[in-house]
């Protein structure tokens, strides 16, 4: 399924991960891949623009920490991000319910 056709795109997945704990970019990529059995394999060129947009919208906040001599940027969910996550979860529930209704009717 094309990413842009999914309700909320990747926002839902990223916000969900960040609702659990603060993470840095590579950690987000690896955790998303691990949990999805490598269905979602993001590249930096996809992840960082998404994180920057979410940060600009106020859904996530970031802080830099020096790690092994180079700064590592950690992202966390904000209150506004929690609200956005709830809205995206509701959209996904409606969408997946509608898809399942169509699929179950096709097999009847």
N, C-alpha and C. Protein backbone atom coordinates (compact mmCIF):
# COMPACT_ATOMS: atom_id res chain seq x y z
N UNK A 1 0.85 -1.18 0.00
CA UNK A 1 0.00 0.00 0.00
C UNK A 1 0.90 1.24 0.00
N UNK A 2 0.60 2.19 -0.83
CA UNK A 2 1.40 3.40 -0.92
C UNK A 2 1.31 4.18 0.38
N UNK A 3 2.47 4.63 0.85
CA UNK A 3 2.56 5.34 2.12
C UNK A 3 1.63 6.56 2.16
N UNK A 4 1.54 7.29 1.07
CA UNK A 4 0.72 8.50 1.06
C UNK A 4 -0.78 8.20 1.11
N UNK A 5 -1.17 6.97 0.85
CA UNK A 5 -2.59 6.62 0.91
C UNK A 5 -3.01 6.14 2.29
N UNK A 6 -2.06 5.83 3.13
CA UNK A 6 -2.38 5.38 4.48
C UNK A 6 -2.83 6.58 5.30
N UNK A 7 -3.86 6.41 6.13
CA UNK A 7 -4.30 7.52 6.97
C UNK A 7 -3.17 7.96 7.90
N UNK A 8 -2.72 9.20 7.74
CA UNK A 8 -1.66 9.71 8.60
C UNK A 8 -0.27 9.31 8.16
N UNK A 9 -0.17 8.52 7.09
CA UNK A 9 1.14 8.10 6.62
C UNK A 9 1.96 7.48 7.72
N UNK A 10 3.22 7.84 7.77
CA UNK A 10 4.12 7.30 8.78
C UNK A 10 4.02 8.02 10.12
N UNK A 11 3.30 9.14 10.14
CA UNK A 11 3.15 9.89 11.39
C UNK A 11 2.67 8.99 12.53
N UNK A 12 1.66 8.19 12.26
CA UNK A 12 1.09 7.32 13.28
C UNK A 12 2.16 6.42 13.89
N UNK A 13 2.99 5.81 13.05
CA UNK A 13 3.99 4.88 13.54
C UNK A 13 5.07 5.59 14.35
N UNK A 14 5.55 6.71 13.86
CA UNK A 14 6.61 7.46 14.55
C UNK A 14 6.09 8.00 15.87
N UNK A 15 4.91 8.60 15.86
CA UNK A 15 4.36 9.15 17.09
C UNK A 15 4.09 8.06 18.11
N UNK A 16 3.67 6.89 17.64
CA UNK A 16 3.42 5.78 18.54
C UNK A 16 4.71 5.34 19.24
N UNK A 17 5.78 5.21 18.47
CA UNK A 17 7.06 4.85 19.08
C UNK A 17 7.50 5.88 20.11
N UNK A 18 7.36 7.15 19.75
CA UNK A 18 7.81 8.22 20.65
C UNK A 18 6.90 8.38 21.87
N UNK A 19 5.70 7.81 21.80
CA UNK A 19 4.82 7.88 22.97
C UNK A 19 5.34 6.97 24.09
N UNK A 20 6.19 6.02 23.73
CA UNK A 20 6.74 5.08 24.71
C UNK A 20 7.98 5.62 25.40
N UNK A 21 8.83 6.31 24.60
CA UNK A 21 10.07 6.85 25.17
C UNK A 21 10.73 7.77 24.17
N UNK A 22 11.65 8.55 24.65
CA UNK A 22 12.47 9.41 23.82
C UNK A 22 13.42 8.54 23.00
N UNK A 23 13.60 8.88 21.72
CA UNK A 23 14.47 8.10 20.84
C UNK A 23 15.23 9.02 19.90
N UNK A 24 16.37 8.54 19.43
CA UNK A 24 17.10 9.25 18.38
C UNK A 24 16.79 8.58 17.05
N UNK A 25 17.16 9.24 15.97
CA UNK A 25 16.76 8.80 14.63
C UNK A 25 17.05 7.35 14.30
N UNK A 26 18.29 6.92 14.48
CA UNK A 26 18.63 5.55 14.13
C UNK A 26 17.85 4.56 14.99
N UNK A 27 17.62 4.91 16.23
CA UNK A 27 16.84 4.05 17.12
C UNK A 27 15.40 3.91 16.62
N UNK A 28 14.83 4.99 16.12
CA UNK A 28 13.48 4.95 15.56
C UNK A 28 13.45 4.01 14.35
N UNK A 29 14.42 4.16 13.47
CA UNK A 29 14.50 3.33 12.26
C UNK A 29 14.60 1.86 12.62
N UNK A 30 15.50 1.52 13.53
CA UNK A 30 15.71 0.11 13.86
C UNK A 30 14.52 -0.48 14.62
N UNK A 31 13.92 0.30 15.51
CA UNK A 31 12.77 -0.21 16.26
C UNK A 31 11.56 -0.41 15.34
N UNK A 32 11.34 0.52 14.43
CA UNK A 32 10.25 0.39 13.48
C UNK A 32 10.44 -0.84 12.59
N UNK A 33 11.65 -1.06 12.13
CA UNK A 33 11.94 -2.24 11.30
C UNK A 33 11.76 -3.52 12.11
N UNK A 34 12.25 -3.53 13.33
CA UNK A 34 12.15 -4.73 14.17
C UNK A 34 10.69 -5.09 14.45
N UNK A 35 9.91 -4.10 14.86
CA UNK A 35 8.52 -4.37 15.21
C UNK A 35 7.66 -4.74 14.02
N UNK A 36 8.03 -4.27 12.85
CA UNK A 36 7.22 -4.55 11.65
C UNK A 36 7.77 -5.72 10.85
N UNK A 37 8.68 -6.47 11.43
CA UNK A 37 9.32 -7.58 10.73
C UNK A 37 9.91 -7.08 9.41
N UNK A 38 10.53 -5.92 9.48
CA UNK A 38 11.21 -5.25 8.37
C UNK A 38 10.28 -4.82 7.23
N UNK A 39 9.00 -4.68 7.53
CA UNK A 39 8.07 -4.14 6.54
C UNK A 39 8.34 -2.65 6.35
N UNK A 40 8.63 -1.95 7.44
CA UNK A 40 8.93 -0.52 7.39
C UNK A 40 10.42 -0.31 7.61
N UNK A 41 11.11 -0.11 6.50
CA UNK A 41 12.56 0.13 6.51
C UNK A 41 12.79 1.56 6.02
N UNK A 42 12.85 2.49 6.95
CA UNK A 42 13.00 3.90 6.58
C UNK A 42 14.45 4.26 6.32
N UNK A 43 14.64 5.19 5.42
CA UNK A 43 15.95 5.77 5.16
C UNK A 43 16.00 7.14 5.80
N UNK A 44 17.20 7.64 6.01
CA UNK A 44 17.36 8.97 6.61
C UNK A 44 16.60 10.02 5.81
N UNK A 45 16.61 9.88 4.50
CA UNK A 45 15.95 10.86 3.64
C UNK A 45 14.44 10.87 3.80
N UNK A 46 13.90 9.84 4.40
CA UNK A 46 12.46 9.78 4.70
C UNK A 46 12.20 10.19 6.14
N UNK A 47 12.99 9.66 7.06
CA UNK A 47 12.75 9.89 8.48
C UNK A 47 12.98 11.33 8.91
N UNK A 48 14.13 11.89 8.58
CA UNK A 48 14.46 13.21 9.13
C UNK A 48 13.56 14.33 8.63
N UNK A 49 13.17 14.36 7.38
CA UNK A 49 12.19 15.38 6.99
C UNK A 49 10.86 15.23 7.75
N UNK A 50 10.45 13.98 7.98
CA UNK A 50 9.23 13.73 8.73
C UNK A 50 9.37 14.23 10.17
N UNK A 51 10.50 13.91 10.82
CA UNK A 51 10.73 14.38 12.19
C UNK A 51 10.81 15.90 12.26
N UNK A 52 11.46 16.52 11.28
CA UNK A 52 11.55 17.98 11.26
C UNK A 52 10.18 18.61 11.09
N UNK A 53 9.35 18.01 10.25
CA UNK A 53 7.99 18.54 10.07
C UNK A 53 7.19 18.40 11.35
N UNK A 54 7.28 17.23 11.99
CA UNK A 54 6.56 17.02 13.25
C UNK A 54 7.05 17.98 14.33
N UNK A 55 8.34 18.27 14.31
CA UNK A 55 8.89 19.22 15.27
C UNK A 55 8.38 20.63 14.99
N UNK A 56 8.34 21.00 13.73
CA UNK A 56 7.84 22.33 13.34
C UNK A 56 6.36 22.49 13.73
N UNK A 57 5.59 21.39 13.62
CA UNK A 57 4.17 21.40 13.99
C UNK A 57 3.97 21.38 15.51
N UNK A 58 5.03 21.11 16.25
CA UNK A 58 4.92 21.05 17.70
C UNK A 58 4.51 19.69 18.23
N UNK A 59 4.49 18.67 17.38
CA UNK A 59 4.10 17.33 17.79
C UNK A 59 5.23 16.60 18.50
N UNK A 60 6.47 16.94 18.16
CA UNK A 60 7.63 16.38 18.85
C UNK A 60 8.58 17.51 19.22
N UNK A 61 9.38 17.25 20.23
CA UNK A 61 10.43 18.19 20.63
C UNK A 61 11.74 17.42 20.57
N UNK A 62 12.83 18.14 20.36
CA UNK A 62 14.13 17.49 20.23
C UNK A 62 15.14 18.15 21.15
N UNK A 63 16.13 17.36 21.54
CA UNK A 63 17.26 17.88 22.30
C UNK A 63 18.50 17.16 21.82
N UNK A 64 19.63 17.84 21.90
CA UNK A 64 20.88 17.25 21.47
C UNK A 64 21.70 16.81 22.67
N UNK A 65 22.31 15.65 22.54
CA UNK A 65 23.18 15.09 23.56
C UNK A 65 24.46 14.66 22.88
N UNK A 66 25.60 15.02 23.46
CA UNK A 66 26.87 14.56 22.88
C UNK A 66 27.04 13.09 23.17
N UNK A 67 27.32 12.33 22.13
CA UNK A 67 27.53 10.89 22.25
C UNK A 67 28.73 10.52 21.41
N UNK A 68 29.76 10.01 22.05
CA UNK A 68 30.99 9.62 21.36
C UNK A 68 31.53 10.75 20.48
N UNK A 69 31.48 11.97 21.02
CA UNK A 69 32.07 13.09 20.32
C UNK A 69 31.18 13.80 19.33
N UNK A 70 30.07 13.18 18.96
CA UNK A 70 29.18 13.87 18.02
C UNK A 70 27.79 13.96 18.63
N UNK A 71 27.11 15.03 18.32
CA UNK A 71 25.77 15.20 18.92
C UNK A 71 24.75 14.21 18.37
N UNK A 72 23.91 13.76 19.24
CA UNK A 72 22.81 12.87 18.87
C UNK A 72 21.53 13.60 19.24
N UNK A 73 20.59 13.65 18.32
CA UNK A 73 19.35 14.37 18.52
C UNK A 73 18.26 13.40 18.96
N UNK A 74 17.75 13.62 20.16
CA UNK A 74 16.69 12.78 20.73
C UNK A 74 15.35 13.48 20.54
N UNK A 75 14.35 12.71 20.16
CA UNK A 75 13.00 13.23 19.93
C UNK A 75 12.05 12.65 20.97
N UNK A 76 11.11 13.48 21.39
CA UNK A 76 10.08 13.04 22.33
C UNK A 76 8.74 13.60 21.91
N UNK A 77 7.70 12.91 22.31
CA UNK A 77 6.34 13.33 22.00
C UNK A 77 5.95 14.49 22.92
N UNK A 78 5.29 15.48 22.36
CA UNK A 78 4.77 16.59 23.16
C UNK A 78 3.28 16.35 23.44
N UNK A 79 2.69 17.21 24.21
CA UNK A 79 1.25 17.09 24.47
C UNK A 79 0.47 17.20 23.16
N UNK A 80 0.87 18.15 22.34
CA UNK A 80 0.22 18.29 21.02
C UNK A 80 0.42 17.03 20.18
N UNK A 81 1.59 16.42 20.29
CA UNK A 81 1.86 15.18 19.57
C UNK A 81 0.98 14.04 20.07
N UNK A 82 0.72 14.01 21.37
CA UNK A 82 -0.18 13.00 21.93
C UNK A 82 -1.59 13.15 21.37
N UNK A 83 -2.02 14.40 21.22
CA UNK A 83 -3.34 14.65 20.63
C UNK A 83 -3.38 14.21 19.17
N UNK A 84 -2.29 14.52 18.46
CA UNK A 84 -2.20 14.12 17.05
C UNK A 84 -2.18 12.59 16.93
N UNK A 85 -1.47 11.93 17.83
CA UNK A 85 -1.43 10.47 17.84
C UNK A 85 -2.83 9.89 18.05
N UNK A 86 -3.57 10.42 18.99
CA UNK A 86 -4.93 9.94 19.24
C UNK A 86 -5.81 10.09 18.00
N UNK A 87 -5.68 11.24 17.33
CA UNK A 87 -6.46 11.47 16.11
C UNK A 87 -6.06 10.49 15.01
N UNK A 88 -4.75 10.25 14.84
CA UNK A 88 -4.28 9.32 13.82
C UNK A 88 -4.72 7.88 14.13
N UNK A 89 -4.71 7.51 15.41
CA UNK A 89 -5.17 6.17 15.80
C UNK A 89 -6.65 5.99 15.47
N UNK A 90 -7.44 7.03 15.70
CA UNK A 90 -8.87 6.96 15.37
C UNK A 90 -9.07 6.83 13.86
N UNK A 91 -8.30 7.59 13.08
CA UNK A 91 -8.37 7.49 11.62
C UNK A 91 -8.01 6.08 11.17
N UNK A 92 -6.94 5.54 11.75
CA UNK A 92 -6.51 4.20 11.37
C UNK A 92 -7.57 3.16 11.72
N UNK A 93 -8.19 3.28 12.88
CA UNK A 93 -9.22 2.33 13.30
C UNK A 93 -10.39 2.34 12.30
N UNK A 94 -10.80 3.55 11.89
CA UNK A 94 -11.89 3.65 10.90
C UNK A 94 -11.48 3.04 9.56
N UNK A 95 -10.28 3.37 9.13
CA UNK A 95 -9.77 2.90 7.85
C UNK A 95 -9.64 1.37 7.84
N UNK A 96 -8.98 0.82 8.86
CA UNK A 96 -8.78 -0.63 8.88
C UNK A 96 -10.09 -1.39 9.05
N UNK A 97 -11.02 -0.80 9.79
CA UNK A 97 -12.34 -1.41 9.94
C UNK A 97 -13.07 -1.47 8.59
N UNK A 98 -12.97 -0.39 7.83
CA UNK A 98 -13.62 -0.34 6.52
C UNK A 98 -12.98 -1.35 5.56
N UNK A 99 -11.66 -1.44 5.58
CA UNK A 99 -10.97 -2.40 4.72
C UNK A 99 -11.37 -3.82 5.11
N UNK A 100 -11.38 -4.11 6.40
CA UNK A 100 -11.75 -5.45 6.86
C UNK A 100 -13.19 -5.79 6.50
N UNK A 101 -14.08 -4.81 6.56
CA UNK A 101 -15.48 -5.05 6.19
C UNK A 101 -15.59 -5.43 4.71
N UNK A 102 -14.83 -4.74 3.88
CA UNK A 102 -14.85 -5.06 2.44
C UNK A 102 -14.25 -6.44 2.20
N UNK A 103 -13.13 -6.72 2.83
CA UNK A 103 -12.47 -8.02 2.63
C UNK A 103 -13.33 -9.18 3.13
N UNK A 104 -13.98 -9.01 4.25
CA UNK A 104 -14.80 -10.10 4.78
C UNK A 104 -16.04 -10.31 3.91
N UNK A 105 -16.54 -9.25 3.31
CA UNK A 105 -17.68 -9.38 2.39
C UNK A 105 -17.29 -10.06 1.11
N UNK A 106 -16.04 -9.89 0.70
CA UNK A 106 -15.57 -10.51 -0.54
C UNK A 106 -15.45 -12.01 -0.41
N UNK A 107 -15.31 -12.50 0.81
CA UNK A 107 -15.17 -13.93 1.03
C UNK A 107 -16.46 -14.61 1.46
N UNK A 108 -17.54 -13.85 1.52
CA UNK A 108 -18.82 -14.42 1.99
C UNK A 108 -19.51 -15.19 0.90
